[in-house]
Amino acid sequence: MDWSSVAAFAATEFLLCLSPGPAVLLVVGLSMRQGFWRSQAAAAGILATNALYFALSAAGVASLILMSATLFNVVKIVGAVYLGYLGIKMIAPLLSRRKGEGGSALAGAANLKRVAPEAPFRLFFRGFSVQAANPKNLAFFVAILPQFVNPTGDVAMQMVVFGGISVMLELPILIIYALAFSALARVVTERVVAWLEASAGGFLVMLGAALALQKRA
């Protein structure tokens, strides 16, 4: 095991985990609307997707998907459509409130309205599907991860170590995001949260469009 490569991978993974991508936005939204513990069911789904990608990368399946133009485009389009769908769902409540209430009730709301809690399994699946729907995750495990792997060593063991590092880094970051925004939800108004959700939804729509239009290198 090349520990310098392990350290380099840990630094790279840490920086990537900090960036507010679709997975982080999902956890943030759930923490504000359904509370911290419900958001962690989605976080578990996100980490389960990462574990699956580590296994696929170790088996070489991810490389085959990326090498096949047709298969990769199918994965990319499905992922882009799903991200766009999630984004529109996050924007829709703000638009419906403004249309139905003229914006007055939303502007005057003092407290955040929590939605009916979803079953943990459904939240787990949402986290899993959001992480799996982003083709950039697949590209990471094919284009970036192999740079840290020593092909002359035990590849399976290296994948286990890298996977463990990924979980140990990403889980605390998701927990911090969820704790921060679930606490924020107690003091902000419904209008502020609605605009935050709509902004995050707009980001997901733009990300989905960018992925759909992106050409393979």
N, C-alpha and C. Protein backbone atom coordinates (compact mmCIF):
# COMPACT_ATOMS: atom_id res chain seq x y z
N MET A 1 0.84 -1.20 0.00
CA MET A 1 0.00 0.00 0.00
C MET A 1 0.87 1.25 0.00
N ASP A 2 0.66 2.12 -0.99
CA ASP A 2 1.41 3.37 -1.09
C ASP A 2 0.66 4.43 -0.27
N TRP A 3 1.19 4.75 0.91
CA TRP A 3 0.47 5.64 1.81
C TRP A 3 0.48 7.09 1.32
N SER A 4 1.44 7.45 0.48
CA SER A 4 1.41 8.80 -0.09
C SER A 4 0.22 8.94 -1.04
N SER A 5 -0.09 7.86 -1.78
CA SER A 5 -1.26 7.88 -2.65
C SER A 5 -2.55 7.92 -1.83
N VAL A 6 -2.55 7.21 -0.69
CA VAL A 6 -3.71 7.22 0.20
C VAL A 6 -3.96 8.64 0.72
N ALA A 7 -2.88 9.32 1.12
CA ALA A 7 -3.02 10.68 1.62
C ALA A 7 -3.51 11.63 0.53
N ALA A 8 -2.98 11.45 -0.69
CA ALA A 8 -3.41 12.30 -1.81
C ALA A 8 -4.88 12.06 -2.13
N PHE A 9 -5.30 10.79 -2.09
CA PHE A 9 -6.71 10.48 -2.34
C PHE A 9 -7.59 11.10 -1.27
N ALA A 10 -7.17 11.01 -0.01
CA ALA A 10 -7.96 11.57 1.09
C ALA A 10 -8.13 13.07 0.93
N ALA A 11 -7.06 13.77 0.53
CA ALA A 11 -7.14 15.22 0.34
C ALA A 11 -8.09 15.56 -0.81
N THR A 12 -8.00 14.80 -1.91
CA THR A 12 -8.87 15.04 -3.06
C THR A 12 -10.32 14.77 -2.70
N GLU A 13 -10.57 13.66 -2.02
CA GLU A 13 -11.93 13.29 -1.64
C GLU A 13 -12.52 14.31 -0.67
N PHE A 14 -11.71 14.81 0.24
CA PHE A 14 -12.19 15.80 1.20
C PHE A 14 -12.67 17.07 0.49
N LEU A 15 -11.89 17.55 -0.47
CA LEU A 15 -12.27 18.76 -1.20
C LEU A 15 -13.53 18.53 -2.03
N LEU A 16 -13.65 17.36 -2.63
CA LEU A 16 -14.84 17.05 -3.43
C LEU A 16 -16.08 16.94 -2.55
N CYS A 17 -15.93 16.37 -1.36
CA CYS A 17 -17.08 16.22 -0.45
C CYS A 17 -17.59 17.56 0.04
N LEU A 18 -16.71 18.54 0.16
CA LEU A 18 -17.12 19.85 0.65
C LEU A 18 -17.99 20.60 -0.35
N SER A 19 -17.81 20.32 -1.64
CA SER A 19 -18.55 21.06 -2.67
C SER A 19 -20.03 20.70 -2.60
N PRO A 20 -20.92 21.71 -2.69
CA PRO A 20 -22.36 21.46 -2.57
C PRO A 20 -22.97 20.92 -3.86
N GLY A 21 -22.81 19.63 -4.08
CA GLY A 21 -23.39 18.99 -5.25
C GLY A 21 -24.81 18.53 -4.98
N PRO A 22 -25.39 17.75 -5.90
CA PRO A 22 -26.77 17.28 -5.74
C PRO A 22 -27.01 16.52 -4.44
N ALA A 23 -26.06 15.69 -4.02
CA ALA A 23 -26.24 14.92 -2.80
C ALA A 23 -26.34 15.83 -1.58
N VAL A 24 -25.46 16.81 -1.50
CA VAL A 24 -25.49 17.75 -0.38
C VAL A 24 -26.78 18.55 -0.38
N LEU A 25 -27.21 19.00 -1.56
CA LEU A 25 -28.45 19.78 -1.66
C LEU A 25 -29.65 18.96 -1.20
N LEU A 26 -29.66 17.66 -1.52
CA LEU A 26 -30.75 16.80 -1.07
C LEU A 26 -30.77 16.70 0.45
N VAL A 27 -29.62 16.45 1.05
CA VAL A 27 -29.54 16.32 2.51
C VAL A 27 -29.94 17.63 3.18
N VAL A 28 -29.49 18.75 2.63
CA VAL A 28 -29.82 20.06 3.19
C VAL A 28 -31.34 20.29 3.15
N GLY A 29 -31.96 20.02 2.01
CA GLY A 29 -33.40 20.22 1.88
C GLY A 29 -34.19 19.34 2.84
N LEU A 30 -33.79 18.09 2.95
CA LEU A 30 -34.50 17.18 3.86
C LEU A 30 -34.31 17.57 5.31
N SER A 31 -33.13 18.04 5.66
CA SER A 31 -32.88 18.42 7.05
C SER A 31 -33.75 19.61 7.45
N MET A 32 -34.01 20.53 6.51
CA MET A 32 -34.84 21.69 6.83
C MET A 32 -36.32 21.32 6.91
N ARG A 33 -36.77 20.42 6.05
CA ARG A 33 -38.20 20.10 5.98
C ARG A 33 -38.60 18.92 6.86
N GLN A 34 -37.71 17.94 7.02
CA GLN A 34 -38.09 16.73 7.75
C GLN A 34 -37.22 16.45 8.97
N GLY A 35 -36.23 17.30 9.21
CA GLY A 35 -35.41 17.14 10.39
C GLY A 35 -34.10 16.39 10.12
N PHE A 36 -33.21 16.48 11.10
CA PHE A 36 -31.86 15.92 10.95
C PHE A 36 -31.88 14.42 10.72
N TRP A 37 -32.62 13.67 11.55
CA TRP A 37 -32.54 12.21 11.49
C TRP A 37 -33.09 11.66 10.19
N ARG A 38 -34.14 12.28 9.66
CA ARG A 38 -34.67 11.83 8.37
C ARG A 38 -33.66 12.06 7.26
N SER A 39 -32.95 13.16 7.32
CA SER A 39 -31.96 13.45 6.27
C SER A 39 -30.84 12.42 6.26
N GLN A 40 -30.58 11.79 7.42
CA GLN A 40 -29.50 10.82 7.48
C GLN A 40 -29.85 9.51 6.78
N ALA A 41 -31.15 9.24 6.58
CA ALA A 41 -31.53 8.08 5.78
C ALA A 41 -31.10 8.29 4.34
N ALA A 42 -31.27 9.52 3.83
CA ALA A 42 -30.80 9.84 2.48
C ALA A 42 -29.28 9.81 2.42
N ALA A 43 -28.61 10.28 3.48
CA ALA A 43 -27.15 10.23 3.52
C ALA A 43 -26.65 8.79 3.44
N ALA A 44 -27.36 7.87 4.10
CA ALA A 44 -26.99 6.45 4.03
C ALA A 44 -27.11 5.94 2.60
N GLY A 45 -28.15 6.37 1.89
CA GLY A 45 -28.30 5.98 0.49
C GLY A 45 -27.18 6.51 -0.38
N ILE A 46 -26.75 7.74 -0.11
CA ILE A 46 -25.64 8.35 -0.85
C ILE A 46 -24.36 7.54 -0.66
N LEU A 47 -24.09 7.18 0.58
CA LEU A 47 -22.88 6.40 0.86
C LEU A 47 -22.98 4.99 0.28
N ALA A 48 -24.18 4.43 0.24
CA ALA A 48 -24.36 3.11 -0.36
C ALA A 48 -24.05 3.15 -1.86
N THR A 49 -24.43 4.25 -2.52
CA THR A 49 -24.10 4.40 -3.94
C THR A 49 -22.59 4.47 -4.13
N ASN A 50 -21.92 5.21 -3.26
CA ASN A 50 -20.46 5.29 -3.37
C ASN A 50 -19.83 3.92 -3.21
N ALA A 51 -20.35 3.13 -2.26
CA ALA A 51 -19.81 1.78 -2.06
C ALA A 51 -20.01 0.94 -3.32
N LEU A 52 -21.17 1.09 -3.96
CA LEU A 52 -21.43 0.36 -5.20
C LEU A 52 -20.47 0.78 -6.29
N TYR A 53 -20.21 2.08 -6.39
CA TYR A 53 -19.29 2.56 -7.41
C TYR A 53 -17.86 2.06 -7.16
N PHE A 54 -17.45 1.98 -5.90
CA PHE A 54 -16.14 1.43 -5.59
C PHE A 54 -16.07 -0.03 -6.05
N ALA A 55 -17.13 -0.79 -5.82
CA ALA A 55 -17.16 -2.19 -6.24
C ALA A 55 -17.12 -2.30 -7.76
N LEU A 56 -17.90 -1.46 -8.44
CA LEU A 56 -17.90 -1.49 -9.91
C LEU A 56 -16.54 -1.10 -10.48
N SER A 57 -15.93 -0.10 -9.85
CA SER A 57 -14.61 0.32 -10.32
C SER A 57 -13.58 -0.78 -10.14
N ALA A 58 -13.65 -1.47 -8.99
CA ALA A 58 -12.71 -2.57 -8.75
C ALA A 58 -12.92 -3.70 -9.74
N ALA A 59 -14.17 -3.92 -10.13
CA ALA A 59 -14.47 -5.00 -11.07
C ALA A 59 -14.25 -4.60 -12.53
N GLY A 60 -14.02 -3.32 -12.78
CA GLY A 60 -13.80 -2.87 -14.14
C GLY A 60 -15.07 -2.57 -14.91
N VAL A 61 -16.23 -2.72 -14.25
CA VAL A 61 -17.50 -2.47 -14.93
C VAL A 61 -17.65 -1.00 -15.27
N ALA A 62 -17.24 -0.12 -14.36
CA ALA A 62 -17.36 1.31 -14.60
C ALA A 62 -16.58 1.73 -15.84
N SER A 63 -15.40 1.13 -16.02
CA SER A 63 -14.60 1.46 -17.20
C SER A 63 -15.31 1.06 -18.48
N LEU A 64 -15.97 -0.09 -18.46
CA LEU A 64 -16.70 -0.55 -19.64
C LEU A 64 -17.84 0.40 -19.98
N ILE A 65 -18.54 0.89 -18.95
CA ILE A 65 -19.64 1.82 -19.18
C ILE A 65 -19.12 3.12 -19.79
N LEU A 66 -18.02 3.62 -19.26
CA LEU A 66 -17.48 4.88 -19.75
C LEU A 66 -16.93 4.73 -21.16
N MET A 67 -16.40 3.55 -21.49
CA MET A 67 -15.83 3.33 -22.81
C MET A 67 -16.91 3.17 -23.88
N SER A 68 -18.10 2.71 -23.50
CA SER A 68 -19.19 2.53 -24.45
C SER A 68 -19.94 3.85 -24.60
N ALA A 69 -19.86 4.46 -25.77
CA ALA A 69 -20.50 5.75 -26.01
C ALA A 69 -22.01 5.65 -25.81
N THR A 70 -22.61 4.59 -26.34
CA THR A 70 -24.06 4.45 -26.24
C THR A 70 -24.50 4.28 -24.80
N LEU A 71 -23.85 3.37 -24.08
CA LEU A 71 -24.24 3.10 -22.70
C LEU A 71 -24.00 4.31 -21.82
N PHE A 72 -22.88 4.98 -22.02
CA PHE A 72 -22.60 6.17 -21.22
C PHE A 72 -23.62 7.26 -21.48
N ASN A 73 -24.00 7.44 -22.75
CA ASN A 73 -25.00 8.47 -23.07
C ASN A 73 -26.35 8.16 -22.44
N VAL A 74 -26.71 6.87 -22.40
CA VAL A 74 -27.96 6.48 -21.75
C VAL A 74 -27.92 6.84 -20.27
N VAL A 75 -26.81 6.48 -19.61
CA VAL A 75 -26.65 6.80 -18.19
C VAL A 75 -26.69 8.31 -17.98
N LYS A 76 -26.02 9.04 -18.88
CA LYS A 76 -25.95 10.50 -18.75
C LYS A 76 -27.32 11.14 -18.90
N ILE A 77 -28.08 10.74 -19.94
CA ILE A 77 -29.39 11.35 -20.18
C ILE A 77 -30.37 11.02 -19.06
N VAL A 78 -30.38 9.76 -18.63
CA VAL A 78 -31.28 9.38 -17.53
C VAL A 78 -30.94 10.18 -16.28
N GLY A 79 -29.66 10.31 -15.99
CA GLY A 79 -29.24 11.08 -14.83
C GLY A 79 -29.61 12.54 -14.95
N ALA A 80 -29.41 13.12 -16.13
CA ALA A 80 -29.74 14.54 -16.34
C ALA A 80 -31.23 14.79 -16.18
N VAL A 81 -32.05 13.90 -16.74
CA VAL A 81 -33.51 14.05 -16.63
C VAL A 81 -33.94 13.95 -15.17
N TYR A 82 -33.36 13.01 -14.44
CA TYR A 82 -33.74 12.84 -13.04
C TYR A 82 -33.34 14.05 -12.19
N LEU A 83 -32.15 14.60 -12.44
CA LEU A 83 -31.73 15.78 -11.70
C LEU A 83 -32.64 16.96 -12.02
N GLY A 84 -33.01 17.10 -13.30
CA GLY A 84 -33.93 18.16 -13.68
C GLY A 84 -35.29 18.00 -13.02
N TYR A 85 -35.76 16.76 -12.95
CA TYR A 85 -37.05 16.47 -12.30
C TYR A 85 -37.01 16.86 -10.82
N LEU A 86 -35.93 16.51 -10.13
CA LEU A 86 -35.79 16.87 -8.73
C LEU A 86 -35.76 18.38 -8.55
N GLY A 87 -35.03 19.05 -9.45
CA GLY A 87 -34.95 20.50 -9.37
C GLY A 87 -36.29 21.17 -9.55
N ILE A 88 -37.08 20.71 -10.52
CA ILE A 88 -38.41 21.28 -10.75
C ILE A 88 -39.31 21.06 -9.55
N LYS A 89 -39.19 19.87 -8.92
CA LYS A 89 -39.99 19.59 -7.72
C LYS A 89 -39.64 20.55 -6.59
N MET A 90 -38.38 20.98 -6.51
CA MET A 90 -37.98 21.91 -5.46
C MET A 90 -38.42 23.33 -5.76
N ILE A 91 -38.55 23.66 -7.04
CA ILE A 91 -38.98 25.01 -7.43
C ILE A 91 -40.50 25.14 -7.36
N ALA A 92 -41.22 24.07 -7.68
CA ALA A 92 -42.68 24.12 -7.81
C ALA A 92 -43.40 24.67 -6.58
N PRO A 93 -43.04 24.28 -5.33
CA PRO A 93 -43.78 24.82 -4.18
C PRO A 93 -43.75 26.34 -4.09
N LEU A 94 -42.61 26.94 -4.39
CA LEU A 94 -42.52 28.39 -4.35
C LEU A 94 -43.44 29.02 -5.39
N LEU A 95 -43.44 28.47 -6.59
CA LEU A 95 -44.27 29.02 -7.66
C LEU A 95 -45.75 28.86 -7.34
N SER A 96 -46.14 27.70 -6.80
CA SER A 96 -47.56 27.47 -6.48
C SER A 96 -48.03 28.38 -5.36
N ARG A 97 -47.17 28.63 -4.35
CA ARG A 97 -47.55 29.52 -3.26
C ARG A 97 -47.72 30.96 -3.76
N ARG A 98 -46.79 31.39 -4.60
CA ARG A 98 -46.86 32.76 -5.10
C ARG A 98 -48.08 32.95 -6.00
N LYS A 99 -48.43 31.92 -6.75
CA LYS A 99 -49.58 32.02 -7.64
C LYS A 99 -50.88 31.96 -6.86
N GLY A 100 -50.96 31.06 -5.88
CA GLY A 100 -52.21 30.86 -5.15
C GLY A 100 -52.46 31.89 -4.07
N GLU A 101 -51.36 32.46 -3.52
CA GLU A 101 -51.52 33.37 -2.39
C GLU A 101 -51.04 34.77 -2.68
N GLY A 102 -50.58 35.00 -3.90
CA GLY A 102 -50.08 36.32 -4.25
C GLY A 102 -48.81 36.69 -3.53
N GLY A 103 -48.19 35.71 -2.88
CA GLY A 103 -46.93 35.95 -2.18
C GLY A 103 -47.12 36.53 -0.79
N SER A 104 -48.33 36.98 -0.42
CA SER A 104 -48.53 37.66 0.87
C SER A 104 -48.40 36.71 2.04
N ALA A 105 -49.06 35.55 1.93
CA ALA A 105 -49.00 34.58 3.04
C ALA A 105 -47.60 34.05 3.23
N LEU A 106 -46.91 33.84 2.11
CA LEU A 106 -45.54 33.33 2.19
C LEU A 106 -44.64 34.37 2.83
N ALA A 107 -44.85 35.64 2.45
CA ALA A 107 -43.99 36.69 2.98
C ALA A 107 -44.20 36.87 4.47
N GLY A 108 -45.43 36.61 4.94
CA GLY A 108 -45.71 36.86 6.34
C GLY A 108 -45.54 35.65 7.23
N ALA A 109 -45.22 34.52 6.67
CA ALA A 109 -45.09 33.31 7.49
C ALA A 109 -43.92 33.45 8.44
N ALA A 110 -44.16 33.18 9.72
CA ALA A 110 -43.10 33.35 10.71
C ALA A 110 -42.33 32.07 10.93
N ASN A 111 -42.97 30.95 10.74
CA ASN A 111 -42.33 29.68 11.04
C ASN A 111 -42.29 28.79 9.82
N LEU A 112 -41.30 27.95 9.80
CA LEU A 112 -41.16 26.99 8.71
C LEU A 112 -42.15 25.86 8.87
N LYS A 113 -42.81 25.51 7.80
CA LYS A 113 -43.76 24.40 7.82
C LYS A 113 -43.05 23.11 7.46
N ARG A 114 -43.04 22.17 8.38
CA ARG A 114 -42.46 20.87 8.11
C ARG A 114 -43.43 20.02 7.30
N VAL A 115 -42.92 19.30 6.33
CA VAL A 115 -43.76 18.42 5.52
C VAL A 115 -43.93 17.10 6.26
N ALA A 116 -44.91 16.32 5.79
CA ALA A 116 -45.13 15.00 6.39
C ALA A 116 -43.88 14.14 6.20
N PRO A 117 -43.38 13.53 7.26
CA PRO A 117 -42.15 12.74 7.15
C PRO A 117 -42.32 11.53 6.23
N GLU A 118 -41.31 11.29 5.43
CA GLU A 118 -41.32 10.14 4.54
C GLU A 118 -40.70 8.93 5.25
N ALA A 119 -41.02 7.76 4.74
CA ALA A 119 -40.45 6.53 5.30
C ALA A 119 -38.94 6.52 5.08
N PRO A 120 -38.17 6.04 6.06
CA PRO A 120 -36.71 6.02 5.90
C PRO A 120 -36.25 5.30 4.64
N PHE A 121 -36.94 4.20 4.26
CA PHE A 121 -36.52 3.49 3.05
C PHE A 121 -36.66 4.36 1.81
N ARG A 122 -37.74 5.14 1.74
CA ARG A 122 -37.93 6.02 0.59
C ARG A 122 -36.85 7.09 0.55
N LEU A 123 -36.50 7.62 1.72
CA LEU A 123 -35.43 8.61 1.77
C LEU A 123 -34.09 7.99 1.40
N PHE A 124 -33.87 6.75 1.85
CA PHE A 124 -32.64 6.03 1.48
C PHE A 124 -32.57 5.89 -0.04
N PHE A 125 -33.68 5.51 -0.67
CA PHE A 125 -33.70 5.34 -2.12
C PHE A 125 -33.49 6.67 -2.83
N ARG A 126 -34.04 7.75 -2.29
CA ARG A 126 -33.83 9.06 -2.90
C ARG A 126 -32.36 9.44 -2.88
N GLY A 127 -31.71 9.21 -1.75
CA GLY A 127 -30.28 9.50 -1.66
C GLY A 127 -29.48 8.64 -2.61
N PHE A 128 -29.83 7.35 -2.68
CA PHE A 128 -29.13 6.42 -3.57
C PHE A 128 -29.29 6.84 -5.03
N SER A 129 -30.54 7.18 -5.42
CA SER A 129 -30.80 7.50 -6.82
C SER A 129 -30.20 8.83 -7.23
N VAL A 130 -30.20 9.82 -6.32
CA VAL A 130 -29.59 11.11 -6.65
C VAL A 130 -28.10 10.95 -6.89
N GLN A 131 -27.43 10.21 -6.04
CA GLN A 131 -25.99 10.01 -6.20
C GLN A 131 -25.69 9.18 -7.44
N ALA A 132 -26.53 8.18 -7.72
CA ALA A 132 -26.31 7.34 -8.89
C ALA A 132 -26.65 8.05 -10.18
N ALA A 133 -27.55 9.07 -10.11
CA ALA A 133 -28.01 9.74 -11.32
C ALA A 133 -26.98 10.71 -11.88
N ASN A 134 -25.97 11.04 -11.12
CA ASN A 134 -24.96 11.99 -11.57
C ASN A 134 -23.82 11.25 -12.27
N PRO A 135 -23.73 11.32 -13.59
CA PRO A 135 -22.67 10.59 -14.30
C PRO A 135 -21.27 11.04 -13.93
N LYS A 136 -21.15 12.24 -13.35
CA LYS A 136 -19.82 12.70 -12.94
C LYS A 136 -19.24 11.81 -11.86
N ASN A 137 -20.10 11.18 -11.06
CA ASN A 137 -19.61 10.23 -10.06
C ASN A 137 -18.96 9.03 -10.74
N LEU A 138 -19.60 8.55 -11.80
CA LEU A 138 -19.04 7.43 -12.55
C LEU A 138 -17.70 7.81 -13.16
N ALA A 139 -17.63 9.02 -13.71
CA ALA A 139 -16.38 9.48 -14.31
C ALA A 139 -15.28 9.61 -13.26
N PHE A 140 -15.66 10.00 -12.04
CA PHE A 140 -14.66 10.10 -10.97
C PHE A 140 -14.03 8.75 -10.68
N PHE A 141 -14.86 7.72 -10.60
CA PHE A 141 -14.34 6.40 -10.25
C PHE A 141 -13.56 5.76 -11.40
N VAL A 142 -13.74 6.29 -12.61
CA VAL A 142 -13.02 5.75 -13.76
C VAL A 142 -11.78 6.57 -14.08
N ALA A 143 -11.92 7.90 -14.02
CA ALA A 143 -10.84 8.78 -14.47
C ALA A 143 -9.91 9.22 -13.34
N ILE A 144 -10.44 9.40 -12.14
CA ILE A 144 -9.63 9.96 -11.05
C ILE A 144 -9.13 8.87 -10.09
N LEU A 145 -10.03 8.01 -9.65
CA LEU A 145 -9.66 6.98 -8.68
C LEU A 145 -8.49 6.11 -9.13
N PRO A 146 -8.46 5.63 -10.39
CA PRO A 146 -7.34 4.77 -10.80
C PRO A 146 -5.96 5.42 -10.67
N GLN A 147 -5.91 6.76 -10.66
CA GLN A 147 -4.62 7.43 -10.53
C GLN A 147 -3.99 7.20 -9.16
N PHE A 148 -4.80 6.82 -8.18
CA PHE A 148 -4.28 6.58 -6.84
C PHE A 148 -4.05 5.09 -6.56
N VAL A 149 -4.41 4.24 -7.51
CA VAL A 149 -4.30 2.80 -7.32
C VAL A 149 -2.98 2.29 -7.86
N ASN A 150 -2.31 1.46 -7.08
CA ASN A 150 -1.09 0.81 -7.53
C ASN A 150 -1.46 -0.53 -8.17
N PRO A 151 -1.36 -0.64 -9.51
CA PRO A 151 -1.82 -1.87 -10.18
C PRO A 151 -1.01 -3.10 -9.83
N THR A 152 0.18 -2.91 -9.29
CA THR A 152 1.01 -4.06 -8.93
C THR A 152 0.69 -4.58 -7.52
N GLY A 153 -0.11 -3.82 -6.78
CA GLY A 153 -0.47 -4.24 -5.43
C GLY A 153 -1.82 -4.93 -5.41
N ASP A 154 -2.34 -5.12 -4.21
CA ASP A 154 -3.65 -5.74 -4.02
C ASP A 154 -4.73 -4.70 -4.31
N VAL A 155 -5.29 -4.73 -5.52
CA VAL A 155 -6.25 -3.72 -5.95
C VAL A 155 -7.51 -3.76 -5.09
N ALA A 156 -7.99 -4.96 -4.79
CA ALA A 156 -9.20 -5.09 -3.98
C ALA A 156 -9.01 -4.46 -2.60
N MET A 157 -7.86 -4.72 -1.98
CA MET A 157 -7.60 -4.14 -0.66
C MET A 157 -7.50 -2.62 -0.74
N GLN A 158 -6.88 -2.13 -1.80
CA GLN A 158 -6.78 -0.67 -1.97
C GLN A 158 -8.17 -0.05 -2.10
N MET A 159 -9.06 -0.73 -2.82
CA MET A 159 -10.42 -0.22 -2.98
C MET A 159 -11.15 -0.20 -1.64
N VAL A 160 -10.91 -1.20 -0.81
CA VAL A 160 -11.52 -1.24 0.52
C VAL A 160 -11.03 -0.06 1.35
N VAL A 161 -9.73 0.20 1.30
CA VAL A 161 -9.16 1.31 2.05
C VAL A 161 -9.70 2.64 1.55
N PHE A 162 -9.71 2.84 0.22
CA PHE A 162 -10.23 4.08 -0.35
C PHE A 162 -11.71 4.25 -0.04
N GLY A 163 -12.46 3.15 -0.11
CA GLY A 163 -13.88 3.23 0.21
C GLY A 163 -14.11 3.61 1.66
N GLY A 164 -13.31 3.03 2.55
CA GLY A 164 -13.42 3.38 3.96
C GLY A 164 -13.10 4.84 4.23
N ILE A 165 -12.07 5.33 3.55
CA ILE A 165 -11.70 6.74 3.69
C ILE A 165 -12.82 7.63 3.18
N SER A 166 -13.41 7.25 2.06
CA SER A 166 -14.50 8.04 1.47
C SER A 166 -15.66 8.17 2.44
N VAL A 167 -16.04 7.05 3.08
CA VAL A 167 -17.15 7.07 4.03
C VAL A 167 -16.79 7.92 5.25
N MET A 168 -15.58 7.75 5.78
CA MET A 168 -15.17 8.48 6.98
C MET A 168 -15.08 9.98 6.73
N LEU A 169 -14.85 10.37 5.48
CA LEU A 169 -14.79 11.80 5.16
C LEU A 169 -16.17 12.37 4.81
N GLU A 170 -16.93 11.65 3.97
CA GLU A 170 -18.19 12.20 3.48
C GLU A 170 -19.29 12.19 4.53
N LEU A 171 -19.35 11.15 5.35
CA LEU A 171 -20.42 11.06 6.35
C LEU A 171 -20.38 12.23 7.33
N PRO A 172 -19.23 12.56 7.95
CA PRO A 172 -19.22 13.71 8.86
C PRO A 172 -19.59 15.02 8.16
N ILE A 173 -19.19 15.18 6.90
CA ILE A 173 -19.51 16.41 6.17
C ILE A 173 -21.01 16.51 5.94
N LEU A 174 -21.65 15.40 5.56
CA LEU A 174 -23.10 15.40 5.38
C LEU A 174 -23.82 15.66 6.70
N ILE A 175 -23.28 15.10 7.79
CA ILE A 175 -23.87 15.32 9.10
C ILE A 175 -23.79 16.81 9.49
N ILE A 176 -22.64 17.42 9.22
CA ILE A 176 -22.47 18.84 9.55
C ILE A 176 -23.42 19.71 8.75
N TYR A 177 -23.54 19.43 7.46
CA TYR A 177 -24.49 20.17 6.62
C TYR A 177 -25.91 20.02 7.18
N ALA A 178 -26.29 18.78 7.51
CA ALA A 178 -27.65 18.52 7.99
C ALA A 178 -27.90 19.20 9.33
N LEU A 179 -26.94 19.13 10.25
CA LEU A 179 -27.10 19.78 11.55
C LEU A 179 -27.22 21.29 11.41
N ALA A 180 -26.39 21.86 10.55
CA ALA A 180 -26.39 23.31 10.38
C ALA A 180 -27.72 23.80 9.82
N PHE A 181 -28.23 23.12 8.79
CA PHE A 181 -29.44 23.60 8.15
C PHE A 181 -30.70 23.21 8.91
N SER A 182 -30.66 22.11 9.66
CA SER A 182 -31.82 21.80 10.50
C SER A 182 -31.93 22.81 11.63
N ALA A 183 -30.80 23.30 12.13
CA ALA A 183 -30.82 24.36 13.15
C ALA A 183 -31.27 25.68 12.53
N LEU A 184 -30.80 25.95 11.32
CA LEU A 184 -31.19 27.18 10.64
C LEU A 184 -32.69 27.23 10.38
N ALA A 185 -33.28 26.06 10.12
CA ALA A 185 -34.71 26.00 9.81
C ALA A 185 -35.58 26.43 10.99
N ARG A 186 -35.02 26.41 12.20
CA ARG A 186 -35.81 26.78 13.37
C ARG A 186 -35.96 28.30 13.51
N VAL A 187 -35.09 29.05 12.82
CA VAL A 187 -35.10 30.50 13.03
C VAL A 187 -35.46 31.28 11.76
N VAL A 188 -35.46 30.64 10.61
CA VAL A 188 -35.78 31.37 9.38
C VAL A 188 -37.26 31.22 9.07
N THR A 189 -37.76 32.11 8.21
CA THR A 189 -39.16 32.08 7.82
C THR A 189 -39.39 31.10 6.68
N GLU A 190 -40.66 30.81 6.47
CA GLU A 190 -41.05 29.93 5.36
C GLU A 190 -40.59 30.51 4.03
N ARG A 191 -40.66 31.83 3.91
CA ARG A 191 -40.28 32.47 2.64
C ARG A 191 -38.80 32.24 2.35
N VAL A 192 -37.96 32.39 3.35
CA VAL A 192 -36.52 32.22 3.15
C VAL A 192 -36.20 30.79 2.73
N VAL A 193 -36.79 29.82 3.43
CA VAL A 193 -36.53 28.42 3.10
C VAL A 193 -37.05 28.08 1.71
N ALA A 194 -38.22 28.62 1.35
CA ALA A 194 -38.78 28.37 0.02
C ALA A 194 -37.85 28.89 -1.06
N TRP A 195 -37.27 30.06 -0.83
CA TRP A 195 -36.34 30.62 -1.81
C TRP A 195 -35.03 29.81 -1.84
N LEU A 196 -34.57 29.34 -0.68
CA LEU A 196 -33.37 28.50 -0.65
C LEU A 196 -33.60 27.21 -1.43
N GLU A 197 -34.76 26.59 -1.21
CA GLU A 197 -35.08 25.36 -1.92
C GLU A 197 -35.19 25.61 -3.42
N ALA A 198 -35.84 26.71 -3.79
CA ALA A 198 -35.99 27.03 -5.21
C ALA A 198 -34.63 27.30 -5.86
N SER A 199 -33.74 27.97 -5.13
CA SER A 199 -32.39 28.23 -5.66
C SER A 199 -31.63 26.93 -5.86
N ALA A 200 -31.73 26.03 -4.87
CA ALA A 200 -31.09 24.72 -5.01
C ALA A 200 -31.70 23.94 -6.17
N GLY A 201 -33.03 24.04 -6.31
CA GLY A 201 -33.69 23.37 -7.43
C GLY A 201 -33.23 23.91 -8.77
N GLY A 202 -33.08 25.24 -8.85
CA GLY A 202 -32.57 25.83 -10.08
C GLY A 202 -31.17 25.34 -10.41
N PHE A 203 -30.34 25.16 -9.37
CA PHE A 203 -28.99 24.64 -9.59
C PHE A 203 -29.04 23.22 -10.14
N LEU A 204 -29.95 22.39 -9.61
CA LEU A 204 -30.07 21.02 -10.10
C LEU A 204 -30.55 20.99 -11.55
N VAL A 205 -31.49 21.88 -11.89
CA VAL A 205 -31.97 21.94 -13.27
C VAL A 205 -30.82 22.32 -14.21
N MET A 206 -30.03 23.32 -13.82
CA MET A 206 -28.90 23.75 -14.66
C MET A 206 -27.85 22.65 -14.76
N LEU A 207 -27.61 21.94 -13.65
CA LEU A 207 -26.65 20.84 -13.68
C LEU A 207 -27.14 19.74 -14.60
N GLY A 208 -28.43 19.41 -14.51
CA GLY A 208 -28.98 18.39 -15.40
C GLY A 208 -28.87 18.79 -16.86
N ALA A 209 -29.15 20.07 -17.17
CA ALA A 209 -29.02 20.55 -18.56
C ALA A 209 -27.58 20.50 -19.02
N ALA A 210 -26.65 20.88 -18.14
CA ALA A 210 -25.23 20.85 -18.51
C ALA A 210 -24.76 19.42 -18.79
N LEU A 211 -25.23 18.47 -17.98
CA LEU A 211 -24.85 17.07 -18.18
C LEU A 211 -25.44 16.54 -19.50
N ALA A 212 -26.69 16.93 -19.80
CA ALA A 212 -27.32 16.46 -21.03
C ALA A 212 -26.61 16.99 -22.27
N LEU A 213 -26.09 18.21 -22.19
CA LEU A 213 -25.44 18.84 -23.34
C LEU A 213 -23.95 18.54 -23.42
N GLN A 214 -23.40 17.99 -22.34
CA GLN A 214 -21.97 17.74 -22.29
C GLN A 214 -21.57 16.65 -23.27
N LYS A 215 -20.51 16.88 -24.02
CA LYS A 215 -20.00 15.91 -24.96
C LYS A 215 -18.88 15.12 -24.32
N ARG A 216 -18.80 13.85 -24.71
CA ARG A 216 -17.71 13.01 -24.20
C ARG A 216 -16.40 13.46 -24.78
N ALA A 217 -15.38 13.46 -23.91
CA ALA A 217 -14.06 13.84 -24.39
C ALA A 217 -13.50 12.77 -25.30
